Amino acid sequence: MKIQILGAGCPKCKMLMANAEVAVKELGIQAEIAKVDKIQDIVKMGVMMTPALAIDGIVKSAGKVLSSDDIKKLLAC
């Protein structure tokens, strides 16, 4: 599983990254967490507001910081 955090590195992006790391650890799953910070790559994925979270290339959230519990729900599906 690949989790992508899309954003230029703002505090909200960093918080989303931290929450994703907590969610993966608490679920005890293996996942690659990658940062996507190039604007052209973010736009290619159809994201206009950051931070955004994508799982296996599919954008699941944009424009808000999900809690670790919210991310766990997305990962459990």
C-alpha atoms as a PDB file:
ATOM      1  CA  MET A   1       0.000   0.000   0.000  1.00  0.00           C
ATOM      2  CA  LYS A   2       1.222   3.467  -0.849  1.00  0.00           C
ATOM      3  CA  ILE A   3       0.034   6.565   0.978  1.00  0.00           C
ATOM      4  CA  GLN A   4       0.847   9.930  -0.561  1.00  0.00           C
ATOM      5  CA  ILE A   5       0.724  13.242   1.261  1.00  0.00           C
ATOM      6  CA  LEU A   6       0.285  16.052  -1.259  1.00  0.00           C
ATOM      7  CA  GLY A   7       1.418  19.514  -0.247  1.00  0.00           C
ATOM      8  CA  ALA A   8       4.236  22.006  -0.417  1.00  0.00           C
ATOM      9  CA  GLY A   9       5.424  21.476   3.150  1.00  0.00           C
ATOM     10  CA  CYS A  10       3.159  23.770   5.144  1.00  0.00           C
ATOM     11  CA  PRO A  11       2.407  23.008   8.812  1.00  0.00           C
ATOM     12  CA  LYS A  12      -0.910  21.374   7.835  1.00  0.00           C
ATOM     13  CA  CYS A  13       0.896  19.091   5.395  1.00  0.00           C
ATOM     14  CA  LYS A  14       3.360  18.079   8.091  1.00  0.00           C
ATOM     15  CA  MET A  15       0.489  17.368  10.502  1.00  0.00           C
ATOM     16  CA  LEU A  16      -1.244  15.170   7.910  1.00  0.00           C
ATOM     17  CA  MET A  17       2.005  13.263   7.379  1.00  0.00           C
ATOM     18  CA  ALA A  18       2.384  12.721  11.131  1.00  0.00           C
ATOM     19  CA  ASN A  19      -1.240  11.566  11.440  1.00  0.00           C
ATOM     20  CA  ALA A  20      -0.765   9.111   8.567  1.00  0.00           C
ATOM     21  CA  GLU A  21       2.329   7.681  10.248  1.00  0.00           C
ATOM     22  CA  VAL A  22       0.385   7.238  13.512  1.00  0.00           C
ATOM     23  CA  ALA A  23      -2.516   5.546  11.688  1.00  0.00           C
ATOM     24  CA  VAL A  24      -0.223   3.061   9.930  1.00  0.00           C
ATOM     25  CA  LYS A  25       1.596   2.271  13.169  1.00  0.00           C
ATOM     26  CA  GLU A  26      -1.615   1.813  15.173  1.00  0.00           C
ATOM     27  CA  LEU A  27      -3.115  -0.481  12.518  1.00  0.00           C
ATOM     28  CA  GLY A  28       0.107  -2.472  12.363  1.00  0.00           C
ATOM     29  CA  ILE A  29       0.126  -2.510   8.572  1.00  0.00           C
ATOM     30  CA  GLN A  30       2.935  -2.082   6.098  1.00  0.00           C
ATOM     31  CA  ALA A  31       2.617   1.000   3.952  1.00  0.00           C
ATOM     32  CA  GLU A  32       4.954   3.308   2.114  1.00  0.00           C
ATOM     33  CA  ILE A  33       4.281   6.933   3.021  1.00  0.00           C
ATOM     34  CA  ALA A  34       5.543   9.380   0.415  1.00  0.00           C
ATOM     35  CA  LYS A  35       5.520  13.170   0.214  1.00  0.00           C
ATOM     36  CA  VAL A  36       4.444  14.779  -3.068  1.00  0.00           C
ATOM     37  CA  ASP A  37       5.554  18.405  -2.995  1.00  0.00           C
ATOM     38  CA  LYS A  38       5.914  19.395  -6.656  1.00  0.00           C
ATOM     39  CA  ILE A  39       2.962  21.539  -7.692  1.00  0.00           C
ATOM     40  CA  GLN A  40       2.765  20.001 -11.175  1.00  0.00           C
ATOM     41  CA  ASP A  41       2.524  16.488  -9.675  1.00  0.00           C
ATOM     42  CA  ILE A  42      -0.174  17.610  -7.230  1.00  0.00           C
ATOM     43  CA  VAL A  43      -2.219  19.213 -10.029  1.00  0.00           C
ATOM     44  CA  LYS A  44      -1.824  16.086 -12.211  1.00  0.00           C
ATOM     45  CA  MET A  45      -3.630  14.171  -9.463  1.00  0.00           C
ATOM     46  CA  GLY A  46      -6.521  16.639  -9.672  1.00  0.00           C
ATOM     47  CA  VAL A  47      -5.859  18.316  -6.325  1.00  0.00           C
ATOM     48  CA  MET A  48      -6.512  22.040  -6.065  1.00  0.00           C
ATOM     49  CA  MET A  49      -6.357  22.386  -2.265  1.00  0.00           C
ATOM     50  CA  THR A  50      -3.688  21.004   0.023  1.00  0.00           C
ATOM     51  CA  PRO A  51      -3.007  19.156   2.150  1.00  0.00           C
ATOM     52  CA  ALA A  52      -4.339  16.082   0.407  1.00  0.00           C
ATOM     53  CA  LEU A  53      -4.073  12.364   1.024  1.00  0.00           C
ATOM     54  CA  ALA A  54      -4.037   9.653  -1.629  1.00  0.00           C
ATOM     55  CA  ILE A  55      -4.059   5.905  -1.113  1.00  0.00           C
ATOM     56  CA  ASP A  56      -2.676   3.772  -3.944  1.00  0.00           C
ATOM     57  CA  GLY A  57      -2.913   6.748  -6.306  1.00  0.00           C
ATOM     58  CA  ILE A  58      -6.538   7.629  -5.505  1.00  0.00           C
ATOM     59  CA  VAL A  59      -7.155  10.962  -3.769  1.00  0.00           C
ATOM     60  CA  LYS A  60      -9.223  10.344  -0.640  1.00  0.00           C
ATOM     61  CA  SER A  61      -9.142  13.808   0.928  1.00  0.00           C
ATOM     62  CA  ALA A  62      -8.127  17.330  -0.061  1.00  0.00           C
ATOM     63  CA  GLY A  63      -8.070  20.673   1.694  1.00  0.00           C
ATOM     64  CA  LYS A  64      -8.104  19.441   5.275  1.00  0.00           C
ATOM     65  CA  VAL A  65      -6.002  17.690   7.871  1.00  0.00           C
ATOM     66  CA  LEU A  66      -7.461  14.275   8.605  1.00  0.00           C
ATOM     67  CA  SER A  67      -7.038  12.885  12.097  1.00  0.00           C
ATOM     68  CA  SER A  68      -5.245   9.575  12.540  1.00  0.00           C
ATOM     69  CA  ASP A  69      -8.662   7.991  13.280  1.00  0.00           C
ATOM     70  CA  ASP A  70     -10.058   9.334   9.987  1.00  0.00           C
ATOM     71  CA  ILE A  71      -7.048   7.931   8.115  1.00  0.00           C
ATOM     72  CA  LYS A  72      -7.440   4.558   9.840  1.00  0.00           C
ATOM     73  CA  LYS A  73     -11.039   4.387   8.571  1.00  0.00           C
ATOM     74  CA  LEU A  74      -9.851   5.042   5.019  1.00  0.00           C
ATOM     75  CA  LEU A  75      -7.111   2.428   5.294  1.00  0.00           C
ATOM     76  CA  ALA A  76      -9.494  -0.204   6.687  1.00  0.00           C
ATOM     77  CA  CYS A  77     -11.753  -0.050   3.595  1.00  0.00           C
END
